[in-house]
């Protein structure tokens, strides 16, 4: 079994035991996680393009990119 499958099963069991009356919580959570992953990728692409611009020498911009681990 892959690590991701194991984590998903563990999360499903945890949610089922801590929120037994909300059977739709686990699917909603998985959908949110997928959306967050896509959003994260979009922002990473955006900041990467900012980093690669020739005028990326601005101090604030450089600090933000450094914090995000993109520099």
PDB file of N, CA and C in Angstrom:
ATOM      1  N   UNK A   1       0.854  -1.191   0.000  1.00  0.00           N
ATOM      2  CA  UNK A   1       0.000   0.000   0.000  1.00  0.00           C
ATOM      3  C   UNK A   1       0.891   1.242   0.000  1.00  0.00           C
ATOM      4  N   UNK A   2       0.520   2.200  -0.800  1.00  0.00           N
ATOM      5  CA  UNK A   2       1.287   3.444  -0.890  1.00  0.00           C
ATOM      6  C   UNK A   2       1.007   4.311   0.344  1.00  0.00           C
ATOM      7  N   UNK A   3       1.929   5.176   0.631  1.00  0.00           N
ATOM      8  CA  UNK A   3       1.803   6.066   1.784  1.00  0.00           C
ATOM      9  C   UNK A   3       0.550   6.940   1.660  1.00  0.00           C
ATOM     10  N   UNK A   4       0.307   7.469   0.457  1.00  0.00           N
ATOM     11  CA  UNK A   4      -0.857   8.343   0.254  1.00  0.00           C
ATOM     12  C   UNK A   4      -2.160   7.596   0.538  1.00  0.00           C
ATOM     13  N   UNK A   5      -2.274   6.353   0.090  1.00  0.00           N
ATOM     14  CA  UNK A   5      -3.480   5.572   0.353  1.00  0.00           C
ATOM     15  C   UNK A   5      -3.661   5.333   1.842  1.00  0.00           C
ATOM     16  N   UNK A   6      -2.572   5.040   2.511  1.00  0.00           N
ATOM     17  CA  UNK A   6      -2.614   4.817   3.958  1.00  0.00           C
ATOM     18  C   UNK A   6      -3.065   6.073   4.702  1.00  0.00           C
ATOM     19  N   UNK A   7      -2.543   7.224   4.280  1.00  0.00           N
ATOM     20  CA  UNK A   7      -2.925   8.489   4.907  1.00  0.00           C
ATOM     21  C   UNK A   7      -4.402   8.809   4.665  1.00  0.00           C
ATOM     22  N   UNK A   8      -4.880   8.535   3.461  1.00  0.00           N
ATOM     23  CA  UNK A   8      -6.286   8.793   3.145  1.00  0.00           C
ATOM     24  C   UNK A   8      -7.189   7.903   3.991  1.00  0.00           C
ATOM     25  N   UNK A   9      -6.831   6.633   4.126  1.00  0.00           N
ATOM     26  CA  UNK A   9      -7.636   5.728   4.955  1.00  0.00           C
ATOM     27  C   UNK A   9      -7.632   6.164   6.415  1.00  0.00           C
ATOM     28  N   UNK A  10      -6.476   6.588   6.894  1.00  0.00           N
ATOM     29  CA  UNK A  10      -6.376   7.064   8.273  1.00  0.00           C
ATOM     30  C   UNK A  10      -7.233   8.305   8.486  1.00  0.00           C
ATOM     31  N   UNK A  11      -7.166   9.233   7.549  1.00  0.00           N
ATOM     32  CA  UNK A  11      -7.977  10.449   7.633  1.00  0.00           C
ATOM     33  C   UNK A  11      -9.469  10.107   7.614  1.00  0.00           C
ATOM     34  N   UNK A  12      -9.839   9.191   6.746  1.00  0.00           N
ATOM     35  CA  UNK A  12     -11.245   8.790   6.656  1.00  0.00           C
ATOM     36  C   UNK A  12     -11.723   8.177   7.972  1.00  0.00           C
ATOM     37  N   UNK A  13     -10.918   7.319   8.582  1.00  0.00           N
ATOM     38  CA  UNK A  13     -11.285   6.717   9.866  1.00  0.00           C
ATOM     39  C   UNK A  13     -11.378   7.772  10.965  1.00  0.00           C
ATOM     40  N   UNK A  14     -10.441   8.702  10.977  1.00  0.00           N
ATOM     41  CA  UNK A  14     -10.445   9.766  11.983  1.00  0.00           C
ATOM     42  C   UNK A  14     -11.693  10.633  11.858  1.00  0.00           C
ATOM     43  N   UNK A  15     -12.033  11.016  10.635  1.00  0.00           N
ATOM     44  CA  UNK A  15     -13.214  11.849  10.415  1.00  0.00           C
ATOM     45  C   UNK A  15     -14.477  11.083  10.764  1.00  0.00           C
ATOM     46  N   UNK A  16     -14.537   9.802  10.393  1.00  0.00           N
ATOM     47  CA  UNK A  16     -15.720   8.988  10.699  1.00  0.00           C
ATOM     48  C   UNK A  16     -15.915   8.841  12.209  1.00  0.00           C
ATOM     49  N   UNK A  17     -14.819   8.726  12.950  1.00  0.00           N
ATOM     50  CA  UNK A  17     -14.948   8.562  14.403  1.00  0.00           C
ATOM     51  C   UNK A  17     -15.199   9.877  15.131  1.00  0.00           C
ATOM     52  N   UNK A  18     -14.654  10.980  14.601  1.00  0.00           N
ATOM     53  CA  UNK A  18     -14.821  12.264  15.296  1.00  0.00           C
ATOM     54  C   UNK A  18     -16.057  13.037  14.830  1.00  0.00           C
ATOM     55  N   UNK A  19     -16.596  12.682  13.656  1.00  0.00           N
ATOM     56  CA  UNK A  19     -17.797  13.352  13.124  1.00  0.00           C
ATOM     57  C   UNK A  19     -18.753  12.301  12.549  1.00  0.00           C
ATOM     58  N   UNK A  20     -19.269  11.406  13.403  1.00  0.00           N
ATOM     59  CA  UNK A  20     -20.075  10.290  12.899  1.00  0.00           C
ATOM     60  C   UNK A  20     -21.387  10.713  12.232  1.00  0.00           C
ATOM     61  N   UNK A  21     -21.894  11.879  12.555  1.00  0.00           N
ATOM     62  CA  UNK A  21     -23.179  12.305  11.997  1.00  0.00           C
ATOM     63  C   UNK A  21     -23.038  13.039  10.673  1.00  0.00           C
ATOM     64  N   UNK A  22     -21.822  13.342  10.275  1.00  0.00           N
ATOM     65  CA  UNK A  22     -21.595  14.087   9.031  1.00  0.00           C
ATOM     66  C   UNK A  22     -20.915  13.182   8.006  1.00  0.00           C
ATOM     67  N   UNK A  23     -21.697  12.365   7.327  1.00  0.00           N
ATOM     68  CA  UNK A  23     -21.137  11.386   6.393  1.00  0.00           C
ATOM     69  C   UNK A  23     -20.537  12.041   5.144  1.00  0.00           C
ATOM     70  N   UNK A  24     -20.894  13.279   4.856  1.00  0.00           N
ATOM     71  CA  UNK A  24     -20.363  13.957   3.681  1.00  0.00           C
ATOM     72  C   UNK A  24     -19.103  14.752   3.941  1.00  0.00           C
ATOM     73  N   UNK A  25     -18.630  14.757   5.172  1.00  0.00           N
ATOM     74  CA  UNK A  25     -17.459  15.574   5.512  1.00  0.00           C
ATOM     75  C   UNK A  25     -16.194  15.093   4.799  1.00  0.00           C
ATOM     76  N   UNK A  26     -15.948  13.794   4.771  1.00  0.00           N
ATOM     77  CA  UNK A  26     -14.732  13.283   4.147  1.00  0.00           C
ATOM     78  C   UNK A  26     -14.665  13.621   2.651  1.00  0.00           C
ATOM     79  N   UNK A  27     -15.729  13.373   1.869  1.00  0.00           N
ATOM     80  CA  UNK A  27     -15.656  13.757   0.444  1.00  0.00           C
ATOM     81  C   UNK A  27     -15.467  15.260   0.241  1.00  0.00           C
ATOM     82  N   UNK A  28     -16.119  16.072   1.075  1.00  0.00           N
ATOM     83  CA  UNK A  28     -15.949  17.525   0.957  1.00  0.00           C
ATOM     84  C   UNK A  28     -14.509  17.922   1.256  1.00  0.00           C
ATOM     85  N   UNK A  29     -13.944  17.298   2.260  1.00  0.00           N
ATOM     86  CA  UNK A  29     -12.552  17.585   2.623  1.00  0.00           C
ATOM     87  C   UNK A  29     -11.601  17.206   1.487  1.00  0.00           C
ATOM     88  N   UNK A  30     -11.826  16.060   0.869  1.00  0.00           N
ATOM     89  CA  UNK A  30     -10.971  15.659  -0.257  1.00  0.00           C
ATOM     90  C   UNK A  30     -11.078  16.644  -1.407  1.00  0.00           C
ATOM     91  N   UNK A  31     -12.283  17.128  -1.677  1.00  0.00           N
ATOM     92  CA  UNK A  31     -12.457  18.114  -2.749  1.00  0.00           C
ATOM     93  C   UNK A  31     -11.730  19.408  -2.416  1.00  0.00           C
ATOM     94  N   UNK A  32     -11.803  19.834  -1.144  1.00  0.00           N
ATOM     95  CA  UNK A  32     -11.101  21.056  -0.731  1.00  0.00           C
ATOM     96  C   UNK A  32      -9.595  20.880  -0.861  1.00  0.00           C
ATOM     97  N   UNK A  33      -9.095  19.703  -0.496  1.00  0.00           N
ATOM     98  CA  UNK A  33      -7.655  19.451  -0.586  1.00  0.00           C
ATOM     99  C   UNK A  33      -7.186  19.515  -2.034  1.00  0.00           C
ATOM    100  N   UNK A  34      -7.983  18.991  -2.936  1.00  0.00           N
ATOM    101  CA  UNK A  34      -7.646  19.054  -4.357  1.00  0.00           C
ATOM    102  C   UNK A  34      -7.612  20.499  -4.836  1.00  0.00           C
ATOM    103  N   UNK A  35      -8.616  21.280  -4.436  1.00  0.00           N
ATOM    104  CA  UNK A  35      -8.660  22.692  -4.825  1.00  0.00           C
ATOM    105  C   UNK A  35      -7.471  23.460  -4.258  1.00  0.00           C
ATOM    106  N   UNK A  36      -7.117  23.175  -3.018  1.00  0.00           N
ATOM    107  CA  UNK A  36      -5.974  23.849  -2.399  1.00  0.00           C
ATOM    108  C   UNK A  36      -4.669  23.490  -3.106  1.00  0.00           C
ATOM    109  N   UNK A  37      -4.547  22.243  -3.522  1.00  0.00           N
ATOM    110  CA  UNK A  37      -3.345  21.829  -4.246  1.00  0.00           C
ATOM    111  C   UNK A  37      -3.233  22.588  -5.559  1.00  0.00           C
ATOM    112  N   UNK A  38      -4.349  22.706  -6.281  1.00  0.00           N
ATOM    113  CA  UNK A  38      -4.344  23.446  -7.544  1.00  0.00           C
ATOM    114  C   UNK A  38      -4.009  24.911  -7.309  1.00  0.00           C
ATOM    115  N   UNK A  39      -4.572  25.493  -6.268  1.00  0.00           N
ATOM    116  CA  UNK A  39      -4.293  26.889  -5.946  1.00  0.00           C
ATOM    117  C   UNK A  39      -2.823  27.081  -5.596  1.00  0.00           C
ATOM    118  N   UNK A  40      -2.292  26.157  -4.837  1.00  0.00           N
ATOM    119  CA  UNK A  40      -0.879  26.228  -4.470  1.00  0.00           C
ATOM    120  C   UNK A  40       0.015  26.173  -5.705  1.00  0.00           C
ATOM    121  N   UNK A  41      -0.305  25.280  -6.632  1.00  0.00           N
ATOM    122  CA  UNK A  41       0.480  25.195  -7.867  1.00  0.00           C
ATOM    123  C   UNK A  41       0.382  26.474  -8.681  1.00  0.00           C
ATOM    124  N   UNK A  42      -0.816  27.052  -8.731  1.00  0.00           N
ATOM    125  CA  UNK A  42      -1.013  28.295  -9.478  1.00  0.00           C
ATOM    126  C   UNK A  42      -0.174  29.421  -8.877  1.00  0.00           C
ATOM    127  N   UNK A  43      -0.191  29.551  -7.554  1.00  0.00           N
ATOM    128  CA  UNK A  43       0.593  30.610  -6.918  1.00  0.00           C
ATOM    129  C   UNK A  43       2.090  30.365  -7.065  1.00  0.00           C
ATOM    130  N   UNK A  44       2.505  29.105  -7.016  1.00  0.00           N
ATOM    131  CA  UNK A  44       3.926  28.804  -7.194  1.00  0.00           C
ATOM    132  C   UNK A  44       4.377  29.218  -8.593  1.00  0.00           C
ATOM    133  N   UNK A  45       3.549  28.921  -9.610  1.00  0.00           N
ATOM    134  CA  UNK A  45       3.880  29.337 -10.977  1.00  0.00           C
ATOM    135  C   UNK A  45       3.949  30.853 -11.077  1.00  0.00           C
ATOM    136  N   UNK A  46       2.996  31.518 -10.418  1.00  0.00           N
ATOM    137  CA  UNK A  46       2.957  32.979 -10.472  1.00  0.00           C
ATOM    138  C   UNK A  46       4.220  33.571  -9.843  1.00  0.00           C
ATOM    139  N   UNK A  47       4.602  33.100  -8.665  1.00  0.00           N
ATOM    140  CA  UNK A  47       5.778  33.643  -7.999  1.00  0.00           C
ATOM    141  C   UNK A  47       7.057  33.259  -8.727  1.00  0.00           C
ATOM    142  N   UNK A  48       7.077  32.097  -9.352  1.00  0.00           N
ATOM    143  CA  UNK A  48       8.244  31.714 -10.142  1.00  0.00           C
ATOM    144  C   UNK A  48       8.418  32.662 -11.318  1.00  0.00           C
ATOM    145  N   UNK A  49       7.308  33.021 -11.953  1.00  0.00           N
ATOM    146  CA  UNK A  49       7.412  33.957 -13.073  1.00  0.00           C
ATOM    147  C   UNK A  49       7.858  35.332 -12.593  1.00  0.00           C
ATOM    148  N   UNK A  50       7.431  35.723 -11.398  1.00  0.00           N
ATOM    149  CA  UNK A  50       7.882  37.000 -10.828  1.00  0.00           C
ATOM    150  C   UNK A  50       9.378  36.929 -10.535  1.00  0.00           C
ATOM    151  N   UNK A  51       9.803  35.817  -9.985  1.00  0.00           N
ATOM    152  CA  UNK A  51      11.219  35.655  -9.641  1.00  0.00           C
ATOM    153  C   UNK A  51      12.097  35.739 -10.875  1.00  0.00           C
ATOM    154  N   UNK A  52      11.617  35.198 -11.974  1.00  0.00           N
ATOM    155  CA  UNK A  52      12.416  35.148 -13.194  1.00  0.00           C
ATOM    156  C   UNK A  52      12.405  36.447 -13.987  1.00  0.00           C
ATOM    157  N   UNK A  53      11.612  37.426 -13.551  1.00  0.00           N
ATOM    158  CA  UNK A  53      11.585  38.715 -14.250  1.00  0.00           C
ATOM    159  C   UNK A  53      12.868  39.475 -13.979  1.00  0.00           C
ATOM    160  N   UNK A  54      13.355  40.226 -14.958  1.00  0.00           N
ATOM    161  CA  UNK A  54      14.605  40.976 -14.769  1.00  0.00           C
ATOM    162  C   UNK A  54      14.502  42.059 -13.689  1.00  0.00           C
ATOM    163  N   UNK A  55      13.297  42.573 -13.448  1.00  0.00           N
ATOM    164  CA  UNK A  55      13.134  43.635 -12.451  1.00  0.00           C
ATOM    165  C   UNK A  55      12.758  43.082 -11.080  1.00  0.00           C
ATOM    166  N   UNK A  56      13.109  41.818 -10.800  1.00  0.00           N
ATOM    167  CA  UNK A  56      12.736  41.187  -9.533  1.00  0.00           C
ATOM    168  C   UNK A  56      13.674  41.578  -8.392  1.00  0.00           C
ATOM    169  N   UNK A  57      14.425  42.619  -8.556  1.00  0.00           N
ATOM    170  CA  UNK A  57      15.360  43.039  -7.534  1.00  0.00           C
ATOM    171  C   UNK A  57      14.735  43.838  -6.401  1.00  0.00           C
ATOM    172  N   UNK A  58      13.470  44.147  -6.478  1.00  0.00           N
ATOM    173  CA  UNK A  58      12.779  44.882  -5.430  1.00  0.00           C
ATOM    174  C   UNK A  58      12.913  44.136  -4.106  1.00  0.00           C
ATOM    175  N   UNK A  59      13.263  44.855  -3.033  1.00  0.00           N
ATOM    176  CA  UNK A  59      13.518  44.225  -1.735  1.00  0.00           C
ATOM    177  C   UNK A  59      12.327  43.440  -1.213  1.00  0.00           C
ATOM    178  N   UNK A  60      11.134  44.029  -1.234  1.00  0.00           N
ATOM    179  CA  UNK A  60       9.961  43.338  -0.712  1.00  0.00           C
ATOM    180  C   UNK A  60       9.675  42.087  -1.522  1.00  0.00           C
ATOM    181  N   UNK A  61       9.745  42.224  -2.817  1.00  0.00           N
ATOM    182  CA  UNK A  61       9.486  41.081  -3.692  1.00  0.00           C
ATOM    183  C   UNK A  61      10.501  39.968  -3.419  1.00  0.00           C
ATOM    184  N   UNK A  62      11.746  40.316  -3.255  1.00  0.00           N
ATOM    185  CA  UNK A  62      12.787  39.333  -2.973  1.00  0.00           C
ATOM    186  C   UNK A  62      12.539  38.640  -1.632  1.00  0.00           C
ATOM    187  N   UNK A  63      12.126  39.404  -0.628  1.00  0.00           N
ATOM    188  CA  UNK A  63      11.842  38.814   0.677  1.00  0.00           C
ATOM    189  C   UNK A  63      10.681  37.837   0.606  1.00  0.00           C
ATOM    190  N   UNK A  64       9.618  38.212  -0.105  1.00  0.00           N
ATOM    191  CA  UNK A  64       8.467  37.330  -0.244  1.00  0.00           C
ATOM    192  C   UNK A  64       8.883  36.040  -0.931  1.00  0.00           C
ATOM    193  N   UNK A  65       9.644  36.142  -2.008  1.00  0.00           N
ATOM    194  CA  UNK A  65      10.089  34.960  -2.716  1.00  0.00           C
ATOM    195  C   UNK A  65      10.990  34.095  -1.844  1.00  0.00           C
ATOM    196  N   UNK A  66      11.817  34.720  -1.029  1.00  0.00           N
ATOM    197  CA  UNK A  66      12.690  33.978  -0.124  1.00  0.00           C
ATOM    198  C   UNK A  66      11.877  33.235   0.928  1.00  0.00           C
ATOM    199  N   UNK A  67      10.876  33.891   1.497  1.00  0.00           N
ATOM    200  CA  UNK A  67      10.006  33.266   2.502  1.00  0.00           C
ATOM    201  C   UNK A  67       9.302  32.047   1.909  1.00  0.00           C
ATOM    202  N   UNK A  68       8.852  32.173   0.656  1.00  0.00           N
ATOM    203  CA  UNK A  68       8.148  31.087   0.004  1.00  0.00           C
ATOM    204  C   UNK A  68       9.092  29.996  -0.487  1.00  0.00           C
ATOM    205  N   UNK A  69      10.382  30.197  -0.312  1.00  0.00           N
ATOM    206  CA  UNK A  69      11.359  29.212  -0.733  1.00  0.00           C
ATOM    207  C   UNK A  69      11.572  29.155  -2.226  1.00  0.00           C
ATOM    208  N   UNK A  70      11.290  30.248  -2.910  1.00  0.00           N
ATOM    209  CA  UNK A  70      11.435  30.271  -4.363  1.00  0.00           C
ATOM    210  C   UNK A  70      12.715  30.949  -4.810  1.00  0.00           C
ATOM    211  N   UNK A  71      13.525  31.396  -3.890  1.00  0.00           N
ATOM    212  CA  UNK A  71      14.807  32.012  -4.239  1.00  0.00           C
ATOM    213  C   UNK A  71      15.912  31.299  -3.513  1.00  0.00           C
TER     214      UNK A  71
END
